[in-house]
Amino acid sequence: AGRDSLVARLEEVVATTGGRWADVD
């Protein structure tokens, strides 16, 4: 919840998985 929490979670997912791009299908 909250903008800072969202950014932290998205950065964590990128760091954990290595995924840096998403094709918007």
PDB file of all heavy atoms in Angstrom:
ATOM      1  N   ALA A   1       0.820  -1.201   0.000  1.00  0.00           N
ATOM      2  CA  ALA A   1       0.000   0.000   0.000  1.00  0.00           C
ATOM      3  C   ALA A   1       0.859   1.257   0.000  1.00  0.00           C
ATOM      4  O   ALA A   1       1.817   1.367   0.764  1.00  0.00           O
ATOM      5  CB  ALA A   1      -0.922   0.003   1.211  1.00  0.00           C
ATOM      6  N   GLY A   2       0.505   2.182  -0.868  1.00  0.00           N
ATOM      7  CA  GLY A   2       1.204   3.455  -0.962  1.00  0.00           C
ATOM      8  C   GLY A   2       2.228   3.460  -2.085  1.00  0.00           C
ATOM      9  O   GLY A   2       2.751   2.428  -2.492  1.00  0.00           O
ATOM     10  N   ARG A   3       2.492   4.655  -2.582  1.00  0.00           N
ATOM     11  CA  ARG A   3       3.393   4.837  -3.729  1.00  0.00           C
ATOM     12  C   ARG A   3       4.797   4.319  -3.434  1.00  0.00           C
ATOM     13  O   ARG A   3       5.378   3.598  -4.255  1.00  0.00           O
ATOM     14  CB  ARG A   3       3.421   6.317  -4.093  1.00  0.00           C
ATOM     15  CG  ARG A   3       4.185   6.607  -5.366  1.00  0.00           C
ATOM     16  CD  ARG A   3       4.132   8.071  -5.739  1.00  0.00           C
ATOM     17  NE  ARG A   3       2.814   8.363  -6.279  1.00  0.00           N
ATOM     18  CZ  ARG A   3       2.178   9.512  -6.091  1.00  0.00           C
ATOM     19  NH1 ARG A   3       2.695  10.459  -5.363  1.00  0.00           N
ATOM     20  NH2 ARG A   3       0.995   9.705  -6.634  1.00  0.00           N
ATOM     21  N   ASP A   4       5.371   4.642  -2.288  1.00  0.00           N
ATOM     22  CA  ASP A   4       6.733   4.202  -1.971  1.00  0.00           C
ATOM     23  C   ASP A   4       6.809   2.686  -1.851  1.00  0.00           C
ATOM     24  O   ASP A   4       7.775   2.060  -2.300  1.00  0.00           O
ATOM     25  CB  ASP A   4       7.237   4.846  -0.680  1.00  0.00           C
ATOM     26  CG  ASP A   4       7.472   6.345  -0.827  1.00  0.00           C
ATOM     27  OD1 ASP A   4       7.591   6.830  -1.966  1.00  0.00           O
ATOM     28  OD2 ASP A   4       7.519   7.034   0.214  1.00  0.00           O
ATOM     29  N   SER A   5       5.789   2.091  -1.271  1.00  0.00           N
ATOM     30  CA  SER A   5       5.730   0.640  -1.125  1.00  0.00           C
ATOM     31  C   SER A   5       5.625  -0.034  -2.493  1.00  0.00           C
ATOM     32  O   SER A   5       6.268  -1.059  -2.749  1.00  0.00           O
ATOM     33  CB  SER A   5       4.531   0.276  -0.240  1.00  0.00           C
ATOM     34  OG  SER A   5       4.485  -1.097   0.000  1.00  0.00           O
ATOM     35  N   LEU A   6       4.824   0.540  -3.381  1.00  0.00           N
ATOM     36  CA  LEU A   6       4.697   0.017  -4.742  1.00  0.00           C
ATOM     37  C   LEU A   6       6.035   0.027  -5.454  1.00  0.00           C
ATOM     38  O   LEU A   6       6.454  -0.980  -6.026  1.00  0.00           O
ATOM     39  CB  LEU A   6       3.672   0.846  -5.522  1.00  0.00           C
ATOM     40  CG  LEU A   6       3.627   0.562  -7.023  1.00  0.00           C
ATOM     41  CD1 LEU A   6       2.283  -0.009  -7.417  1.00  0.00           C
ATOM     42  CD2 LEU A   6       3.898   1.824  -7.808  1.00  0.00           C
ATOM     43  N   VAL A   7       6.724   1.146  -5.419  1.00  0.00           N
ATOM     44  CA  VAL A   7       8.027   1.256  -6.093  1.00  0.00           C
ATOM     45  C   VAL A   7       9.014   0.254  -5.504  1.00  0.00           C
ATOM     46  O   VAL A   7       9.717  -0.447  -6.243  1.00  0.00           O
ATOM     47  CB  VAL A   7       8.575   2.699  -6.007  1.00  0.00           C
ATOM     48  CG1 VAL A   7      10.033   2.765  -6.475  1.00  0.00           C
ATOM     49  CG2 VAL A   7       7.714   3.640  -6.836  1.00  0.00           C
ATOM     50  N   ALA A   8       9.065   0.154  -4.193  1.00  0.00           N
ATOM     51  CA  ALA A   8       9.991  -0.785  -3.550  1.00  0.00           C
ATOM     52  C   ALA A   8       9.689  -2.224  -3.970  1.00  0.00           C
ATOM     53  O   ALA A   8      10.606  -3.005  -4.250  1.00  0.00           O
ATOM     54  CB  ALA A   8       9.917  -0.650  -2.030  1.00  0.00           C
ATOM     55  N   ARG A   9       8.405  -2.579  -4.029  1.00  0.00           N
ATOM     56  CA  ARG A   9       8.044  -3.942  -4.433  1.00  0.00           C
ATOM     57  C   ARG A   9       8.398  -4.201  -5.895  1.00  0.00           C
ATOM     58  O   ARG A   9       8.940  -5.265  -6.231  1.00  0.00           O
ATOM     59  CB  ARG A   9       6.550  -4.184  -4.193  1.00  0.00           C
ATOM     60  CG  ARG A   9       6.082  -5.544  -4.631  1.00  0.00           C
ATOM     61  CD  ARG A   9       6.806  -6.659  -3.892  1.00  0.00           C
ATOM     62  NE  ARG A   9       6.259  -7.956  -4.242  1.00  0.00           N
ATOM     63  CZ  ARG A   9       6.909  -9.103  -4.097  1.00  0.00           C
ATOM     64  NH1 ARG A   9       8.124  -9.120  -3.583  1.00  0.00           N
ATOM     65  NH2 ARG A   9       6.348 -10.227  -4.440  1.00  0.00           N
ATOM     66  N   LEU A  10       8.108  -3.258  -6.766  1.00  0.00           N
ATOM     67  CA  LEU A  10       8.444  -3.448  -8.177  1.00  0.00           C
ATOM     68  C   LEU A  10       9.955  -3.581  -8.372  1.00  0.00           C
ATOM     69  O   LEU A  10      10.423  -4.426  -9.150  1.00  0.00           O
ATOM     70  CB  LEU A  10       7.890  -2.295  -9.020  1.00  0.00           C
ATOM     71  CG  LEU A  10       6.366  -2.188  -9.076  1.00  0.00           C
ATOM     72  CD1 LEU A  10       5.958  -0.956  -9.876  1.00  0.00           C
ATOM     73  CD2 LEU A  10       5.744  -3.444  -9.646  1.00  0.00           C
ATOM     74  N   GLU A  11      10.718  -2.780  -7.662  1.00  0.00           N
ATOM     75  CA  GLU A  11      12.178  -2.885  -7.752  1.00  0.00           C
ATOM     76  C   GLU A  11      12.674  -4.219  -7.198  1.00  0.00           C
ATOM     77  O   GLU A  11      13.603  -4.813  -7.734  1.00  0.00           O
ATOM     78  CB  GLU A  11      12.839  -1.714  -7.032  1.00  0.00           C
ATOM     79  CG  GLU A  11      12.664  -0.417  -7.783  1.00  0.00           C
ATOM     80  CD  GLU A  11      13.275   0.784  -7.088  1.00  0.00           C
ATOM     81  OE1 GLU A  11      13.483   0.733  -5.852  1.00  0.00           O
ATOM     82  OE2 GLU A  11      13.537   1.774  -7.784  1.00  0.00           O
ATOM     83  N   GLU A  12      12.048  -4.699  -6.141  1.00  0.00           N
ATOM     84  CA  GLU A  12      12.412  -5.993  -5.567  1.00  0.00           C
ATOM     85  C   GLU A  12      12.152  -7.122  -6.563  1.00  0.00           C
ATOM     86  O   GLU A  12      12.982  -8.027  -6.730  1.00  0.00           O
ATOM     87  CB  GLU A  12      11.622  -6.237  -4.280  1.00  0.00           C
ATOM     88  CG  GLU A  12      11.881  -7.586  -3.658  1.00  0.00           C
ATOM     89  CD  GLU A  12      10.991  -7.861  -2.445  1.00  0.00           C
ATOM     90  OE1 GLU A  12      10.051  -7.081  -2.171  1.00  0.00           O
ATOM     91  OE2 GLU A  12      11.252  -8.871  -1.781  1.00  0.00           O
ATOM     92  N   VAL A  13      11.021  -7.078  -7.236  1.00  0.00           N
ATOM     93  CA  VAL A  13      10.692  -8.113  -8.221  1.00  0.00           C
ATOM     94  C   VAL A  13      11.706  -8.100  -9.360  1.00  0.00           C
ATOM     95  O   VAL A  13      12.194  -9.146  -9.789  1.00  0.00           O
ATOM     96  CB  VAL A  13       9.244  -7.934  -8.746  1.00  0.00           C
ATOM     97  CG1 VAL A  13       8.973  -8.818  -9.945  1.00  0.00           C
ATOM     98  CG2 VAL A  13       8.246  -8.214  -7.633  1.00  0.00           C
ATOM     99  N   VAL A  14      12.064  -6.927  -9.836  1.00  0.00           N
ATOM    100  CA  VAL A  14      13.066  -6.815 -10.907  1.00  0.00           C
ATOM    101  C   VAL A  14      14.403  -7.377 -10.437  1.00  0.00           C
ATOM    102  O   VAL A  14      15.049  -8.158 -11.137  1.00  0.00           O
ATOM    103  CB  VAL A  14      13.218  -5.348 -11.375  1.00  0.00           C
ATOM    104  CG1 VAL A  14      14.447  -5.172 -12.250  1.00  0.00           C
ATOM    105  CG2 VAL A  14      11.963  -4.905 -12.116  1.00  0.00           C
ATOM    106  N   ALA A  15      14.825  -7.005  -9.248  1.00  0.00           N
ATOM    107  CA  ALA A  15      16.109  -7.473  -8.722  1.00  0.00           C
ATOM    108  C   ALA A  15      16.125  -8.983  -8.512  1.00  0.00           C
ATOM    109  O   ALA A  15      17.129  -9.648  -8.776  1.00  0.00           O
ATOM    110  CB  ALA A  15      16.423  -6.752  -7.411  1.00  0.00           C
ATOM    111  N   THR A  16      15.020  -9.535  -8.069  1.00  0.00           N
ATOM    112  CA  THR A  16      14.937 -10.970  -7.789  1.00  0.00           C
ATOM    113  C   THR A  16      14.892 -11.801  -9.060  1.00  0.00           C
ATOM    114  O   THR A  16      15.533 -12.849  -9.142  1.00  0.00           O
ATOM    115  CB  THR A  16      13.688 -11.267  -6.933  1.00  0.00           C
ATOM    116  OG1 THR A  16      13.773 -10.521  -5.727  1.00  0.00           O
ATOM    117  CG2 THR A  16      13.579 -12.740  -6.604  1.00  0.00           C
ATOM    118  N   THR A  17      14.155 -11.338 -10.056  1.00  0.00           N
ATOM    119  CA  THR A  17      13.942 -12.137 -11.260  1.00  0.00           C
ATOM    120  C   THR A  17      14.866 -11.779 -12.412  1.00  0.00           C
ATOM    121  O   THR A  17      15.076 -12.587 -13.305  1.00  0.00           O
ATOM    122  CB  THR A  17      12.499 -11.982 -11.764  1.00  0.00           C
ATOM    123  OG1 THR A  17      12.306 -10.621 -12.158  1.00  0.00           O
ATOM    124  CG2 THR A  17      11.499 -12.393 -10.713  1.00  0.00           C
ATOM    125  N   GLY A  18      15.362 -10.546 -12.423  1.00  0.00           N
ATOM    126  CA  GLY A  18      16.163 -10.081 -13.549  1.00  0.00           C
ATOM    127  C   GLY A  18      15.322  -9.569 -14.704  1.00  0.00           C
ATOM    128  O   GLY A  18      15.853  -9.106 -15.704  1.00  0.00           O
ATOM    129  N   GLY A  19      14.003  -9.625 -14.585  1.00  0.00           N
ATOM    130  CA  GLY A  19      13.120  -9.141 -15.647  1.00  0.00           C
ATOM    131  C   GLY A  19      13.082  -7.631 -15.682  1.00  0.00           C
ATOM    132  O   GLY A  19      12.748  -6.990 -14.699  1.00  0.00           O
ATOM    133  N   ARG A  20      13.451  -7.051 -16.823  1.00  0.00           N
ATOM    134  CA  ARG A  20      13.529  -5.598 -16.933  1.00  0.00           C
ATOM    135  C   ARG A  20      12.609  -5.021 -18.013  1.00  0.00           C
ATOM    136  O   ARG A  20      12.573  -3.824 -18.222  1.00  0.00           O
ATOM    137  CB  ARG A  20      14.953  -5.180 -17.231  1.00  0.00           C
ATOM    138  CG  ARG A  20      15.911  -5.619 -16.153  1.00  0.00           C
ATOM    139  CD  ARG A  20      17.189  -4.842 -16.162  1.00  0.00           C
ATOM    140  NE  ARG A  20      18.225  -5.187 -15.221  1.00  0.00           N
ATOM    141  CZ  ARG A  20      18.122  -5.612 -13.995  1.00  0.00           C
ATOM    142  NH1 ARG A  20      16.963  -5.815 -13.484  1.00  0.00           N
ATOM    143  NH2 ARG A  20      19.161  -5.871 -13.243  1.00  0.00           N
ATOM    144  N   TRP A  21      11.872  -5.864 -18.721  1.00  0.00           N
ATOM    145  CA  TRP A  21      11.013  -5.373 -19.799  1.00  0.00           C
ATOM    146  C   TRP A  21       9.729  -6.190 -19.850  1.00  0.00           C
ATOM    147  O   TRP A  21       9.763  -7.406 -19.676  1.00  0.00           O
ATOM    148  CB  TRP A  21      11.734  -5.508 -21.143  1.00  0.00           C
ATOM    149  CG  TRP A  21      10.926  -4.965 -22.275  1.00  0.00           C
ATOM    150  CD1 TRP A  21      10.081  -5.679 -23.091  1.00  0.00           C
ATOM    151  CD2 TRP A  21      10.850  -3.616 -22.714  1.00  0.00           C
ATOM    152  NE1 TRP A  21       9.481  -4.845 -24.000  1.00  0.00           N
ATOM    153  CE2 TRP A  21       9.943  -3.564 -23.804  1.00  0.00           C
ATOM    154  CE3 TRP A  21      11.453  -2.435 -22.275  1.00  0.00           C
ATOM    155  CZ2 TRP A  21       9.644  -2.381 -24.461  1.00  0.00           C
ATOM    156  CZ3 TRP A  21      11.155  -1.259 -22.947  1.00  0.00           C
ATOM    157  CH2 TRP A  21      10.261  -1.242 -24.021  1.00  0.00           C
ATOM    158  N   ALA A  22       8.638  -5.528 -20.125  1.00  0.00           N
ATOM    159  CA  ALA A  22       7.365  -6.228 -20.302  1.00  0.00           C
ATOM    160  C   ALA A  22       6.719  -5.751 -21.594  1.00  0.00           C
ATOM    161  O   ALA A  22       6.432  -4.558 -21.736  1.00  0.00           O
ATOM    162  CB  ALA A  22       6.441  -5.978 -19.119  1.00  0.00           C
ATOM    163  N   ASP A  23       6.553  -6.675 -22.534  1.00  0.00           N
ATOM    164  CA  ASP A  23       5.771  -6.350 -23.731  1.00  0.00           C
ATOM    165  C   ASP A  23       4.332  -6.180 -23.293  1.00  0.00           C
ATOM    166  O   ASP A  23       3.778  -7.054 -22.620  1.00  0.00           O
ATOM    167  CB  ASP A  23       5.824  -7.487 -24.756  1.00  0.00           C
ATOM    168  CG  ASP A  23       7.206  -7.704 -25.351  1.00  0.00           C
ATOM    169  OD1 ASP A  23       7.987  -6.742 -25.425  1.00  0.00           O
ATOM    170  OD2 ASP A  23       7.491  -8.852 -25.744  1.00  0.00           O
ATOM    171  N   VAL A  24       3.735  -5.067 -23.646  1.00  0.00           N
ATOM    172  CA  VAL A  24       2.326  -4.851 -23.348  1.00  0.00           C
ATOM    173  C   VAL A  24       1.555  -5.428 -24.530  1.00  0.00           C
ATOM    174  O   VAL A  24       1.490  -4.832 -25.598  1.00  0.00           O
ATOM    175  CB  VAL A  24       2.010  -3.359 -23.129  1.00  0.00           C
ATOM    176  CG1 VAL A  24       0.529  -3.159 -22.845  1.00  0.00           C
ATOM    177  CG2 VAL A  24       2.867  -2.787 -22.002  1.00  0.00           C
ATOM    178  N   ASP A  25       1.017  -6.627 -24.332  1.00  0.00           N
ATOM    179  CA  ASP A  25       0.357  -7.353 -25.406  1.00  0.00           C
ATOM    180  C   ASP A  25      -1.072  -6.890 -25.646  1.00  0.00           C
ATOM    181  O   ASP A  25      -1.556  -6.917 -26.771  1.00  0.00           O
ATOM    182  CB  ASP A  25       0.367  -8.858 -25.106  1.00  0.00           C
ATOM    183  CG  ASP A  25       1.780  -9.404 -24.971  1.00  0.00           C
ATOM    184  OD1 ASP A  25       2.649  -9.032 -25.768  1.00  0.00           O
ATOM    185  OD2 ASP A  25       2.005 -10.206 -24.035  1.00  0.00           O
TER     186      ASP A  25
END
